[in-house]
C-alpha atoms as a PDB file:
ATOM      1  CA  MET A   1      -9.011   9.256   8.352  1.00  0.00           C
ATOM      2  CA  LYS A   2     -11.220   7.450   5.833  1.00  0.00           C
ATOM      3  CA  ILE A   3     -11.552   3.653   5.613  1.00  0.00           C
ATOM      4  CA  ALA A   4     -13.319   1.416   3.084  1.00  0.00           C
ATOM      5  CA  LEU A   5     -14.833  -1.835   4.373  1.00  0.00           C
ATOM      6  CA  ASP A   6     -15.711  -4.695   2.029  1.00  0.00           C
ATOM      7  CA  ALA A   7     -19.164  -5.239   3.532  1.00  0.00           C
ATOM      8  CA  MET A   8     -19.914  -8.421   1.556  1.00  0.00           C
ATOM      9  CA  GLY A   9     -16.813 -10.529   2.183  1.00  0.00           C
ATOM     10  CA  GLY A  10     -16.259 -13.169   4.842  1.00  0.00           C
ATOM     11  CA  ASP A  11     -18.133 -16.255   5.918  1.00  0.00           C
ATOM     12  CA  PHE A  12     -21.053 -14.357   7.454  1.00  0.00           C
ATOM     13  CA  GLY A  13     -21.394 -11.331   5.169  1.00  0.00           C
ATOM     14  CA  PRO A  14     -23.074  -8.036   6.133  1.00  0.00           C
ATOM     15  CA  PRO A  15     -24.442  -9.036   9.593  1.00  0.00           C
ATOM     16  CA  ASN A  16     -21.015  -9.406  11.222  1.00  0.00           C
ATOM     17  CA  LEU A  17     -19.282  -6.817   9.057  1.00  0.00           C
ATOM     18  CA  VAL A  18     -21.796  -4.034   9.642  1.00  0.00           C
ATOM     19  CA  ALA A  19     -22.027  -4.856  13.359  1.00  0.00           C
ATOM     20  CA  GLY A  20     -18.246  -4.558  13.632  1.00  0.00           C
ATOM     21  CA  ALA A  21     -18.316  -1.282  11.707  1.00  0.00           C
ATOM     22  CA  VAL A  22     -20.884   0.150  14.106  1.00  0.00           C
ATOM     23  CA  MET A  23     -18.754  -0.902  17.096  1.00  0.00           C
ATOM     24  CA  ALA A  24     -15.674   0.726  15.552  1.00  0.00           C
ATOM     25  CA  LEU A  25     -17.443   4.028  14.870  1.00  0.00           C
ATOM     26  CA  ARG A  26     -18.600   4.186  18.478  1.00  0.00           C
ATOM     27  CA  ASP A  27     -15.089   3.578  19.877  1.00  0.00           C
ATOM     28  CA  TYR A  28     -12.771   5.229  17.327  1.00  0.00           C
ATOM     29  CA  GLN A  29     -13.616   8.859  16.812  1.00  0.00           C
ATOM     30  CA  GLN A  30     -10.512   9.295  14.629  1.00  0.00           C
ATOM     31  CA  ILE A  31     -12.409   7.523  11.824  1.00  0.00           C
ATOM     32  CA  LYS A  32     -13.966  10.455   9.974  1.00  0.00           C
ATOM     33  CA  LYS A  33     -15.464   8.474   7.095  1.00  0.00           C
ATOM     34  CA  LEU A  34     -16.332   4.780   6.766  1.00  0.00           C
ATOM     35  CA  TYR A  35     -17.321   3.480   3.347  1.00  0.00           C
ATOM     36  CA  LEU A  36     -19.439   0.312   3.461  1.00  0.00           C
ATOM     37  CA  VAL A  37     -19.094  -1.294   0.041  1.00  0.00           C
ATOM     38  CA  GLY A  38     -21.660  -3.807  -1.174  1.00  0.00           C
ATOM     39  CA  ASP A  39     -25.400  -4.339  -1.601  1.00  0.00           C
ATOM     40  CA  PRO A  40     -27.117  -1.176  -0.211  1.00  0.00           C
ATOM     41  CA  PRO A  41     -30.426  -2.818   0.860  1.00  0.00           C
ATOM     42  CA  LYS A  42     -28.577  -5.518   2.846  1.00  0.00           C
ATOM     43  CA  ILE A  43     -26.226  -2.987   4.440  1.00  0.00           C
ATOM     44  CA  GLU A  44     -29.067  -0.575   5.288  1.00  0.00           C
ATOM     45  CA  ASN A  45     -31.058  -3.423   6.841  1.00  0.00           C
ATOM     46  CA  GLU A  46     -28.162  -4.253   9.173  1.00  0.00           C
ATOM     47  CA  LEU A  47     -27.683  -0.585  10.091  1.00  0.00           C
ATOM     48  CA  ARG A  48     -31.363  -0.361  11.051  1.00  0.00           C
ATOM     49  CA  LYS A  49     -30.958  -3.398  13.318  1.00  0.00           C
ATOM     50  CA  HIS A  50     -28.285  -1.487  15.223  1.00  0.00           C
ATOM     51  CA  GLN A  51     -30.228   1.780  15.087  1.00  0.00           C
ATOM     52  CA  CYS A  52     -27.190   3.368  13.505  1.00  0.00           C
ATOM     53  CA  ASN A  53     -27.498   6.514  11.413  1.00  0.00           C
ATOM     54  CA  ASP A  54     -23.963   7.786  11.892  1.00  0.00           C
ATOM     55  CA  SER A  55     -23.228  10.550   9.394  1.00  0.00           C
ATOM     56  CA  ARG A  56     -19.707   9.182   8.917  1.00  0.00           C
ATOM     57  CA  ILE A  57     -21.089   6.157   7.030  1.00  0.00           C
ATOM     58  CA  ASP A  58     -21.198   6.264   3.248  1.00  0.00           C
ATOM     59  CA  ILE A  59     -22.651   3.232   1.416  1.00  0.00           C
ATOM     60  CA  VAL A  60     -20.966   2.448  -1.910  1.00  0.00           C
ATOM     61  CA  HIS A  61     -22.952   0.272  -4.313  1.00  0.00           C
ATOM     62  CA  SER A  62     -21.474  -2.869  -5.850  1.00  0.00           C
ATOM     63  CA  THR A  63     -23.251  -5.708  -7.620  1.00  0.00           C
ATOM     64  CA  GLN A  64     -20.778  -8.592  -7.371  1.00  0.00           C
ATOM     65  CA  VAL A  65     -19.055 -10.644  -4.683  1.00  0.00           C
ATOM     66  CA  VAL A  66     -15.878 -12.706  -5.054  1.00  0.00           C
ATOM     67  CA  GLU A  67     -16.715 -16.238  -3.923  1.00  0.00           C
ATOM     68  CA  MET A  68     -14.205 -18.417  -2.085  1.00  0.00           C
ATOM     69  CA  SER A  69     -14.211 -20.827  -5.042  1.00  0.00           C
ATOM     70  CA  ASP A  70     -13.175 -18.075  -7.475  1.00  0.00           C
ATOM     71  CA  ARG A  71      -9.604 -17.814  -8.723  1.00  0.00           C
ATOM     72  CA  ALA A  72      -8.179 -14.631  -7.243  1.00  0.00           C
ATOM     73  CA  TRP A  73      -6.626 -12.900 -10.265  1.00  0.00           C
ATOM     74  CA  THR A  74      -9.388 -14.031 -12.623  1.00  0.00           C
ATOM     75  CA  ALA A  75     -12.096 -12.806 -10.236  1.00  0.00           C
ATOM     76  CA  VAL A  76     -10.536  -9.359  -9.938  1.00  0.00           C
ATOM     77  CA  ARG A  77     -10.333  -8.993 -13.702  1.00  0.00           C
ATOM     78  CA  ARG A  78     -13.801 -10.379 -14.475  1.00  0.00           C
ATOM     79  CA  LYS A  79     -15.773  -9.149 -11.465  1.00  0.00           C
ATOM     80  CA  LYS A  80     -14.904  -5.493 -11.801  1.00  0.00           C
ATOM     81  CA  ASP A  81     -17.944  -4.472  -9.757  1.00  0.00           C
ATOM     82  CA  SER A  82     -17.163  -6.757  -6.827  1.00  0.00           C
ATOM     83  CA  SER A  83     -17.184  -5.281  -3.328  1.00  0.00           C
ATOM     84  CA  ILE A  84     -13.437  -5.843  -2.852  1.00  0.00           C
ATOM     85  CA  SER A  85     -12.591  -4.224  -6.208  1.00  0.00           C
ATOM     86  CA  ARG A  86     -14.761  -1.191  -5.483  1.00  0.00           C
ATOM     87  CA  ALA A  87     -13.301  -0.872  -1.993  1.00  0.00           C
ATOM     88  CA  VAL A  88      -9.731  -0.900  -3.331  1.00  0.00           C
ATOM     89  CA  ASP A  89     -10.778   1.604  -6.015  1.00  0.00           C
ATOM     90  CA  LEU A  90     -11.660   4.045  -3.235  1.00  0.00           C
ATOM     91  CA  VAL A  91      -8.078   3.830  -1.957  1.00  0.00           C
ATOM     92  CA  LYS A  92      -6.677   4.132  -5.469  1.00  0.00           C
ATOM     93  CA  ARG A  93      -8.642   7.357  -6.070  1.00  0.00           C
ATOM     94  CA  GLY A  94      -7.631   8.780  -2.721  1.00  0.00           C
ATOM     95  CA  ASP A  95     -11.179   8.759  -1.351  1.00  0.00           C
ATOM     96  CA  ALA A  96     -10.137   6.284   1.353  1.00  0.00           C
ATOM     97  CA  ASP A  97      -6.859   5.870   3.234  1.00  0.00           C
ATOM     98  CA  ALA A  98      -7.228   2.116   3.808  1.00  0.00           C
ATOM     99  CA  VAL A  99      -9.307  -0.897   2.841  1.00  0.00           C
ATOM    100  CA  VAL A 100     -10.406  -3.737   5.147  1.00  0.00           C
ATOM    101  CA  SER A 101     -11.677  -7.090   3.866  1.00  0.00           C
ATOM    102  CA  ALA A 102     -12.625 -10.394   5.491  1.00  0.00           C
ATOM    103  CA  GLY A 103     -13.363 -11.933   2.109  1.00  0.00           C
ATOM    104  CA  HIS A 104     -11.259 -13.900  -0.359  1.00  0.00           C
ATOM    105  CA  THR A 105      -7.651 -13.257   0.743  1.00  0.00           C
ATOM    106  CA  GLY A 106      -6.216 -13.940  -2.693  1.00  0.00           C
ATOM    107  CA  ALA A 107      -8.646 -11.500  -4.281  1.00  0.00           C
ATOM    108  CA  ALA A 108      -7.777  -8.801  -1.745  1.00  0.00           C
ATOM    109  CA  VAL A 109      -4.072  -9.310  -2.483  1.00  0.00           C
ATOM    110  CA  ALA A 110      -4.638  -9.406  -6.256  1.00  0.00           C
ATOM    111  CA  ALA A 111      -6.884  -6.322  -6.281  1.00  0.00           C
ATOM    112  CA  SER A 112      -4.361  -4.389  -4.197  1.00  0.00           C
ATOM    113  CA  MET A 113      -1.440  -5.373  -6.418  1.00  0.00           C
ATOM    114  CA  ILE A 114      -3.298  -4.669  -9.682  1.00  0.00           C
ATOM    115  CA  LYS A 115      -4.910  -1.394  -8.658  1.00  0.00           C
ATOM    116  CA  LEU A 116      -2.505   0.059  -6.084  1.00  0.00           C
ATOM    117  CA  ARG A 117       0.767  -1.512  -7.271  1.00  0.00           C
ATOM    118  CA  THR A 118       3.670  -2.083  -4.922  1.00  0.00           C
ATOM    119  CA  LEU A 119       5.641   0.569  -3.090  1.00  0.00           C
ATOM    120  CA  GLU A 120       8.774   1.864  -4.784  1.00  0.00           C
ATOM    121  CA  GLY A 121      11.506  -0.757  -4.502  1.00  0.00           C
ATOM    122  CA  ILE A 122       9.206  -3.544  -3.268  1.00  0.00           C
ATOM    123  CA  TYR A 123       9.071  -6.710  -5.372  1.00  0.00           C
ATOM    124  CA  ARG A 124       6.251  -8.615  -3.650  1.00  0.00           C
ATOM    125  CA  PRO A 125       3.917  -7.657  -0.786  1.00  0.00           C
ATOM    126  CA  GLY A 126       3.638  -9.838   2.304  1.00  0.00           C
ATOM    127  CA  ILE A 127       0.896 -10.428   4.843  1.00  0.00           C
ATOM    128  CA  ALA A 128       2.031  -9.606   8.390  1.00  0.00           C
ATOM    129  CA  ALA A 129       0.306 -11.711  11.059  1.00  0.00           C
ATOM    130  CA  LEU A 130       0.701 -11.021  14.770  1.00  0.00           C
ATOM    131  CA  LEU A 131       1.232 -14.061  16.987  1.00  0.00           C
ATOM    132  CA  PRO A 132       1.730 -14.179  20.772  1.00  0.00           C
ATOM    133  CA  THR A 133       4.689 -15.654  22.622  1.00  0.00           C
ATOM    134  CA  GLN A 134       5.336 -16.107  26.325  1.00  0.00           C
ATOM    135  CA  PHE A 135       6.635 -12.549  26.636  1.00  0.00           C
ATOM    136  CA  ASN A 136       5.638 -10.520  23.591  1.00  0.00           C
ATOM    137  CA  VAL A 137       3.934 -10.470  20.196  1.00  0.00           C
ATOM    138  CA  PHE A 138       5.876 -11.155  17.012  1.00  0.00           C
ATOM    139  CA  VAL A 139       5.281 -10.383  13.340  1.00  0.00           C
ATOM    140  CA  LEU A 140       5.076 -13.414  11.040  1.00  0.00           C
ATOM    141  CA  ILE A 141       5.631 -12.367   7.426  1.00  0.00           C
ATOM    142  CA  ASP A 142       4.614 -13.642   4.880  1.00  0.00           C
ATOM    143  CA  ALA A 143       1.409 -15.318   6.109  1.00  0.00           C
ATOM    144  CA  GLY A 144       0.045 -16.183   2.691  1.00  0.00           C
ATOM    145  CA  ALA A 145       0.381 -13.491   0.022  1.00  0.00           C
ATOM    146  CA  ASN A 146       3.254 -15.015  -1.981  1.00  0.00           C
ATOM    147  CA  ILE A 147       3.806 -18.784  -1.896  1.00  0.00           C
ATOM    148  CA  ASP A 148       6.564 -18.764  -4.540  1.00  0.00           C
ATOM    149  CA  ALA A 149       9.021 -16.455  -2.807  1.00  0.00           C
ATOM    150  CA  ARG A 150      12.610 -15.764  -3.739  1.00  0.00           C
ATOM    151  CA  PRO A 151      15.442 -14.863  -1.314  1.00  0.00           C
ATOM    152  CA  GLU A 152      15.150 -11.135  -2.097  1.00  0.00           C
ATOM    153  CA  HIS A 153      11.462 -11.289  -1.184  1.00  0.00           C
ATOM    154  CA  LEU A 154      12.318 -12.732   2.239  1.00  0.00           C
ATOM    155  CA  LEU A 155      14.879  -9.979   2.732  1.00  0.00           C
ATOM    156  CA  GLN A 156      12.233  -7.355   2.017  1.00  0.00           C
ATOM    157  CA  TYR A 157       9.790  -9.113   4.339  1.00  0.00           C
ATOM    158  CA  GLY A 158      12.401  -8.694   7.055  1.00  0.00           C
ATOM    159  CA  ILE A 159      12.681  -4.972   6.315  1.00  0.00           C
ATOM    160  CA  MET A 160       8.912  -4.424   6.155  1.00  0.00           C
ATOM    161  CA  GLY A 161       8.271  -6.522   9.252  1.00  0.00           C
ATOM    162  CA  SER A 162      10.897  -4.536  11.158  1.00  0.00           C
ATOM    163  CA  VAL A 163       9.278  -1.247  10.155  1.00  0.00           C
ATOM    164  CA  TYR A 164       5.859  -2.448  11.308  1.00  0.00           C
ATOM    165  CA  SER A 165       7.308  -3.842  14.533  1.00  0.00           C
ATOM    166  CA  SER A 166       9.116  -0.564  15.250  1.00  0.00           C
ATOM    167  CA  HIS A 167       6.419   1.960  14.362  1.00  0.00           C
ATOM    168  CA  VAL A 168       3.210   0.133  15.273  1.00  0.00           C
ATOM    169  CA  LEU A 169       4.244  -2.368  17.971  1.00  0.00           C
ATOM    170  CA  ARG A 170       6.872   0.039  19.351  1.00  0.00           C
ATOM    171  CA  TYR A 171       9.767  -2.423  19.640  1.00  0.00           C
ATOM    172  CA  LYS A 172      13.179  -0.787  19.587  1.00  0.00           C
ATOM    173  CA  ARG A 173      15.477  -2.377  17.024  1.00  0.00           C
ATOM    174  CA  PRO A 174      13.361  -5.527  16.551  1.00  0.00           C
ATOM    175  CA  ARG A 175      15.165  -8.817  16.163  1.00  0.00           C
ATOM    176  CA  VAL A 176      14.669 -10.710  12.898  1.00  0.00           C
ATOM    177  CA  GLY A 177      14.860 -14.433  12.249  1.00  0.00           C
ATOM    178  CA  VAL A 178      14.101 -16.733   9.328  1.00  0.00           C
ATOM    179  CA  ILE A 179      12.148 -19.988   9.721  1.00  0.00           C
ATOM    180  CA  SER A 180      14.308 -23.017   8.956  1.00  0.00           C
ATOM    181  CA  LEU A 181      14.968 -26.636   9.910  1.00  0.00           C
ATOM    182  CA  GLY A 182      17.799 -25.837  12.298  1.00  0.00           C
ATOM    183  CA  GLU A 183      19.619 -22.925  13.916  1.00  0.00           C
ATOM    184  CA  GLU A 184      22.857 -23.379  11.956  1.00  0.00           C
ATOM    185  CA  ASP A 185      23.246 -21.276   8.800  1.00  0.00           C
ATOM    186  CA  VAL A 186      23.865 -24.413   6.715  1.00  0.00           C
ATOM    187  CA  LYS A 187      20.414 -25.803   7.585  1.00  0.00           C
ATOM    188  CA  GLY A 188      17.336 -25.319   5.392  1.00  0.00           C
ATOM    189  CA  ASN A 189      16.541 -25.309   1.692  1.00  0.00           C
ATOM    190  CA  GLU A 190      18.118 -23.123  -0.983  1.00  0.00           C
ATOM    191  CA  LEU A 191      15.582 -20.369  -0.354  1.00  0.00           C
ATOM    192  CA  THR A 192      16.235 -20.050   3.368  1.00  0.00           C
ATOM    193  CA  LYS A 193      20.018 -20.462   3.057  1.00  0.00           C
ATOM    194  CA  GLU A 194      20.281 -17.703   0.460  1.00  0.00           C
ATOM    195  CA  ALA A 195      17.880 -15.492   2.422  1.00  0.00           C
ATOM    196  CA  PHE A 196      20.040 -16.095   5.517  1.00  0.00           C
ATOM    197  CA  LYS A 197      23.071 -14.655   3.701  1.00  0.00           C
ATOM    198  CA  MET A 198      21.171 -11.594   2.477  1.00  0.00           C
ATOM    199  CA  LEU A 199      19.604 -10.882   5.870  1.00  0.00           C
ATOM    200  CA  LYS A 200      22.954 -11.303   7.622  1.00  0.00           C
ATOM    201  CA  GLU A 201      24.584  -8.772   5.283  1.00  0.00           C
ATOM    202  CA  SER A 202      21.785  -6.224   5.816  1.00  0.00           C
ATOM    203  CA  SER A 203      21.611  -3.650   8.599  1.00  0.00           C
ATOM    204  CA  LEU A 204      18.684  -5.479  10.211  1.00  0.00           C
ATOM    205  CA  ASN A 205      19.064  -6.886  13.715  1.00  0.00           C
ATOM    206  CA  PHE A 206      19.266 -10.393  12.246  1.00  0.00           C
ATOM    207  CA  ARG A 207      19.543 -13.262  14.748  1.00  0.00           C
ATOM    208  CA  GLY A 208      19.714 -16.191  12.332  1.00  0.00           C
ATOM    209  CA  ASN A 209      17.481 -19.203  11.832  1.00  0.00           C
ATOM    210  CA  ILE A 210      14.440 -19.910  13.995  1.00  0.00           C
ATOM    211  CA  GLU A 211      13.156 -23.444  14.429  1.00  0.00           C
ATOM    212  CA  GLY A 212       9.429 -24.063  14.669  1.00  0.00           C
ATOM    213  CA  ARG A 213       9.790 -25.381  18.218  1.00  0.00           C
ATOM    214  CA  HIS A 214      11.089 -21.981  19.399  1.00  0.00           C
ATOM    215  CA  LEU A 215       8.382 -19.850  17.797  1.00  0.00           C
ATOM    216  CA  PHE A 216       6.231 -19.323  20.870  1.00  0.00           C
ATOM    217  CA  GLU A 217       8.906 -19.145  23.542  1.00  0.00           C
ATOM    218  CA  ASP A 218      10.673 -15.811  23.046  1.00  0.00           C
ATOM    219  CA  PRO A 219      12.162 -16.003  19.567  1.00  0.00           C
ATOM    220  CA  VAL A 220      12.435 -12.651  17.810  1.00  0.00           C
ATOM    221  CA  GLU A 221      10.093  -9.766  16.994  1.00  0.00           C
ATOM    222  CA  VAL A 222       9.992 -10.513  13.249  1.00  0.00           C
ATOM    223  CA  VAL A 223       9.802 -14.044  11.820  1.00  0.00           C
ATOM    224  CA  VAL A 224      10.418 -14.281   8.071  1.00  0.00           C
ATOM    225  CA  CYS A 225       9.213 -17.067   5.765  1.00  0.00           C
ATOM    226  CA  ASP A 226       7.532 -17.658   2.419  1.00  0.00           C
ATOM    227  CA  GLY A 227       3.739 -17.445   2.182  1.00  0.00           C
ATOM    228  CA  PHE A 228       3.225 -21.207   2.013  1.00  0.00           C
ATOM    229  CA  VAL A 229       5.088 -21.907   5.247  1.00  0.00           C
ATOM    230  CA  GLY A 230       3.660 -18.799   6.927  1.00  0.00           C
ATOM    231  CA  ASN A 231       0.057 -19.685   6.156  1.00  0.00           C
ATOM    232  CA  VAL A 232       0.538 -23.236   7.432  1.00  0.00           C
ATOM    233  CA  ILE A 233       2.035 -21.870  10.675  1.00  0.00           C
ATOM    234  CA  LEU A 234      -0.821 -19.387  11.077  1.00  0.00           C
ATOM    235  CA  LYS A 235      -3.634 -21.874  10.457  1.00  0.00           C
ATOM    236  CA  THR A 236      -1.971 -24.567  12.585  1.00  0.00           C
ATOM    237  CA  SER A 237      -1.519 -22.115  15.460  1.00  0.00           C
ATOM    238  CA  GLU A 238      -5.190 -21.130  15.294  1.00  0.00           C
ATOM    239  CA  SER A 239      -6.387 -24.734  15.335  1.00  0.00           C
ATOM    240  CA  ILE A 240      -4.092 -25.706  18.226  1.00  0.00           C
ATOM    241  CA  ALA A 241      -5.338 -22.779  20.319  1.00  0.00           C
ATOM    242  CA  VAL A 242      -8.953 -23.812  19.733  1.00  0.00           C
ATOM    243  CA  ALA A 243      -8.176 -27.483  20.420  1.00  0.00           C
ATOM    244  CA  ILE A 244      -6.383 -26.759  23.711  1.00  0.00           C
ATOM    245  CA  PHE A 245      -9.383 -24.900  25.129  1.00  0.00           C
ATOM    246  CA  LYS A 246     -11.714 -27.687  24.020  1.00  0.00           C
ATOM    247  CA  TRP A 247      -9.477 -30.246  25.753  1.00  0.00           C
ATOM    248  CA  LEU A 248      -9.393 -28.098  28.896  1.00  0.00           C
ATOM    249  CA  ARG A 249     -13.166 -27.744  28.932  1.00  0.00           C
ATOM    250  CA  GLN A 250     -13.553 -31.488  28.517  1.00  0.00           C
ATOM    251  CA  GLU A 251     -11.176 -32.302  31.387  1.00  0.00           C
ATOM    252  CA  LEU A 252     -12.377 -29.544  33.727  1.00  0.00           C
ATOM    253  CA  THR A 253     -15.974 -30.722  33.543  1.00  0.00           C
ATOM    254  CA  ARG A 254     -15.186 -34.332  34.388  1.00  0.00           C
ATOM    255  CA  SER A 255     -15.666 -33.835  38.139  1.00  0.00           C
ATOM    256  CA  LYS A 256     -16.966 -31.272  40.637  1.00  0.00           C
ATOM    257  CA  ILE A 257     -13.475 -30.789  42.065  1.00  0.00           C
ATOM    258  CA  HIS A 258     -12.128 -29.936  38.616  1.00  0.00           C
ATOM    259  CA  MET A 259     -15.038 -27.550  38.063  1.00  0.00           C
ATOM    260  CA  VAL A 260     -14.325 -25.743  41.337  1.00  0.00           C
ATOM    261  CA  GLY A 261     -10.670 -25.423  40.357  1.00  0.00           C
ATOM    262  CA  ALA A 262     -11.650 -24.078  36.955  1.00  0.00           C
ATOM    263  CA  TYR A 263     -13.923 -21.496  38.586  1.00  0.00           C
ATOM    264  CA  LEU A 264     -11.125 -20.293  40.855  1.00  0.00           C
ATOM    265  CA  ALA A 265      -8.727 -20.050  37.913  1.00  0.00           C
ATOM    266  CA  ARG A 266     -11.263 -18.502  35.510  1.00  0.00           C
ATOM    267  CA  LYS A 267      -9.460 -15.135  35.315  1.00  0.00           C
ATOM    268  CA  ALA A 268      -6.200 -16.821  34.329  1.00  0.00           C
ATOM    269  CA  PHE A 269      -8.008 -18.867  31.674  1.00  0.00           C
ATOM    270  CA  ARG A 270      -9.639 -15.696  30.333  1.00  0.00           C
ATOM    271  CA  VAL A 271      -6.274 -13.939  30.015  1.00  0.00           C
ATOM    272  CA  ILE A 272      -4.788 -16.838  28.051  1.00  0.00           C
ATOM    273  CA  LYS A 273      -7.878 -17.111  25.863  1.00  0.00           C
ATOM    274  CA  ASP A 274      -7.723 -13.398  25.001  1.00  0.00           C
ATOM    275  CA  LYS A 275      -4.022 -13.706  24.224  1.00  0.00           C
ATOM    276  CA  THR A 276      -4.650 -16.484  21.717  1.00  0.00           C
ATOM    277  CA  ASN A 277      -7.923 -15.119  20.327  1.00  0.00           C
ATOM    278  CA  TYR A 278      -7.656 -13.923  16.714  1.00  0.00           C
ATOM    279  CA  GLU A 279     -10.581 -11.543  17.337  1.00  0.00           C
ATOM    280  CA  GLU A 280      -8.379  -9.375  19.555  1.00  0.00           C
ATOM    281  CA  TYR A 281      -5.774  -8.954  16.801  1.00  0.00           C
ATOM    282  CA  GLY A 282      -8.385  -7.990  14.201  1.00  0.00           C
ATOM    283  CA  GLY A 283      -6.679  -8.052  10.833  1.00  0.00           C
ATOM    284  CA  MET A 284      -3.347  -8.528   9.106  1.00  0.00           C
ATOM    285  CA  PRO A 285      -1.752  -5.716   7.086  1.00  0.00           C
ATOM    286  CA  LEU A 286      -0.663  -6.479   3.551  1.00  0.00           C
ATOM    287  CA  LEU A 287       2.715  -4.739   3.667  1.00  0.00           C
ATOM    288  CA  GLY A 288       4.364  -3.511   0.491  1.00  0.00           C
ATOM    289  CA  VAL A 289       1.404  -2.229  -1.539  1.00  0.00           C
ATOM    290  CA  ASN A 290       1.008   1.455  -2.336  1.00  0.00           C
ATOM    291  CA  GLY A 291      -1.885   1.884   0.047  1.00  0.00           C
ATOM    292  CA  ILE A 292      -3.137   0.259   3.229  1.00  0.00           C
ATOM    293  CA  CYS A 293      -4.909  -3.088   2.962  1.00  0.00           C
ATOM    294  CA  ILE A 294      -5.981  -5.012   6.069  1.00  0.00           C
ATOM    295  CA  ILE A 295      -6.984  -8.647   5.671  1.00  0.00           C
ATOM    296  CA  ALA A 296      -9.340 -10.001   8.333  1.00  0.00           C
ATOM    297  CA  HIS A 297     -10.197 -13.607   9.160  1.00  0.00           C
ATOM    298  CA  GLY A 298     -12.917 -15.106   6.979  1.00  0.00           C
ATOM    299  CA  ALA A 299     -14.869 -16.144  10.088  1.00  0.00           C
ATOM    300  CA  SER A 300     -14.528 -12.704  11.668  1.00  0.00           C
ATOM    301  CA  THR A 301     -16.966 -11.813  14.420  1.00  0.00           C
ATOM    302  CA  PRO A 302     -18.127  -8.200  14.908  1.00  0.00           C
ATOM    303  CA  LEU A 303     -15.337  -7.784  17.502  1.00  0.00           C
ATOM    304  CA  ALA A 304     -12.743  -9.003  14.994  1.00  0.00           C
ATOM    305  CA  ILE A 305     -14.010  -6.527  12.370  1.00  0.00           C
ATOM    306  CA  LYS A 306     -13.925  -3.713  14.895  1.00  0.00           C
ATOM    307  CA  ASN A 307     -10.301  -4.561  15.675  1.00  0.00           C
ATOM    308  CA  ALA A 308      -9.434  -4.898  11.972  1.00  0.00           C
ATOM    309  CA  LEU A 309     -10.639  -1.321  11.527  1.00  0.00           C
ATOM    310  CA  ARG A 310      -8.474  -0.370  14.516  1.00  0.00           C
ATOM    311  CA  VAL A 311      -5.443  -1.954  12.829  1.00  0.00           C
ATOM    312  CA  ALA A 312      -6.213   0.065   9.689  1.00  0.00           C
ATOM    313  CA  ALA A 313      -6.411   3.253  11.761  1.00  0.00           C
ATOM    314  CA  GLU A 314      -3.078   2.471  13.447  1.00  0.00           C
ATOM    315  CA  SER A 315      -1.380   1.889  10.082  1.00  0.00           C
ATOM    316  CA  ILE A 316      -2.691   5.234   8.820  1.00  0.00           C
ATOM    317  CA  GLU A 317      -1.621   7.076  11.971  1.00  0.00           C
ATOM    318  CA  GLN A 318       1.877   5.575  12.075  1.00  0.00           C
ATOM    319  CA  GLN A 319       2.622   6.248   8.379  1.00  0.00           C
ATOM    320  CA  VAL A 320       3.933   2.721   7.852  1.00  0.00           C
ATOM    321  CA  ASN A 321       4.333   2.950   4.069  1.00  0.00           C
ATOM    322  CA  PRO A 322       6.613   6.017   3.956  1.00  0.00           C
ATOM    323  CA  HIS A 323       8.844   4.340   6.543  1.00  0.00           C
ATOM    324  CA  ILE A 324       9.006   1.164   4.431  1.00  0.00           C
ATOM    325  CA  VAL A 325       9.969   3.159   1.321  1.00  0.00           C
ATOM    326  CA  GLU A 326      12.699   4.944   3.275  1.00  0.00           C
ATOM    327  CA  GLU A 327      14.172   1.717   4.683  1.00  0.00           C
ATOM    328  CA  ILE A 328      14.130   0.019   1.272  1.00  0.00           C
ATOM    329  CA  ARG A 329      15.873   3.072  -0.222  1.00  0.00           C
ATOM    330  CA  ARG A 330      18.542   2.942   2.494  1.00  0.00           C
ATOM    331  CA  TYR A 331      19.110  -0.739   1.873  1.00  0.00           C
ATOM    332  CA  HIS A 332      19.601  -0.239  -1.873  1.00  0.00           C
ATOM    333  CA  GLU A 333      21.937   2.721  -1.284  1.00  0.00           C
ATOM    334  CA  THR A 334      24.018   0.726   1.192  1.00  0.00           C
ATOM    335  CA  THR A 335      24.168  -2.289  -1.117  1.00  0.00           C
ATOM    336  CA  ALA A 336      25.228  -0.114  -4.058  1.00  0.00           C
ATOM    337  CA  SER A 337      27.986   1.517  -2.005  1.00  0.00           C
ATOM    338  CA  LEU A 338      29.392  -1.895  -1.069  1.00  0.00           C
ATOM    339  CA  GLU A 339      29.572  -3.128  -4.659  1.00  0.00           C
ATOM    340  CA  PRO A 340      33.099  -3.040  -6.166  1.00  0.00           C
ATOM    341  CA  ALA A 341      33.738  -0.268  -8.675  1.00  0.00           C
ATOM    342  CA  VAL A 342      33.655  -1.281 -12.318  1.00  0.00           C
ATOM    343  CA  PRO A 343      37.213  -0.944 -13.751  1.00  0.00           C
END
């Protein structure tokens, strides 16, 4: 498999990105080619620091970088030689099977939609984020690709999220729920109420509305929402996880007795920290585009980049896109068969 990495994106640029790439190449032998897209001198300098001369690395030159202050669609059109554009071009030409970027999320989404287009039958792509619960991991879709969603978009998010949950996370017949203000089908806004009807009429294992307070207990395997709500949930969850560990550290260092207790419970704390650590999850797949695009956290560490490349490899191996196309086709065929005949 061949993967293109935007080596200039993210908050820390080449140092973290190249370090993560080196870690991935050492652990994932299934990666046969890794394109590092960006400024060659900067990339080569980082490779020398890690004493890496892996023959699987191919540096692709680009002269521009999409800044966080840039407007996504405008940047893709005007900065044609940006690292994210060149990385997506590699997928478009078939030179790479997937692209990974920790840079401007909007630009990664825009470049993928403009250059790769959406899969047959898909109206809008959605970002699938993985979040932990007490007993499992669930897919939150959309986590920020499309903030102006329509009911049919949420329906397709449910289908795409179910495919990813089934084929990558290995859940049998994953349960699907839609985020709303209450469990009853009459609760919510017009978007969620109409999406509820469409999801209920589909062949998905739809379990109804999910309230925010139930998200991290044991809700469902796929949680559907528009990109605005999904991104707020994602960012809030990240900040709460960080805050809780800061509060714990503050309280556990108040006295020697607390410190002894913390030492004895250190393994349990480490397990919980790993479970809530975004670095372990790596990146989020942009489901619905005609190619594989993995979006990593802007503040990604080398470990997070390594795991984002792992997520890309898993998506390639599990053939997620063909399964999405097949499920969308089945849905449209079923819907057409249920429509009354025209007299």
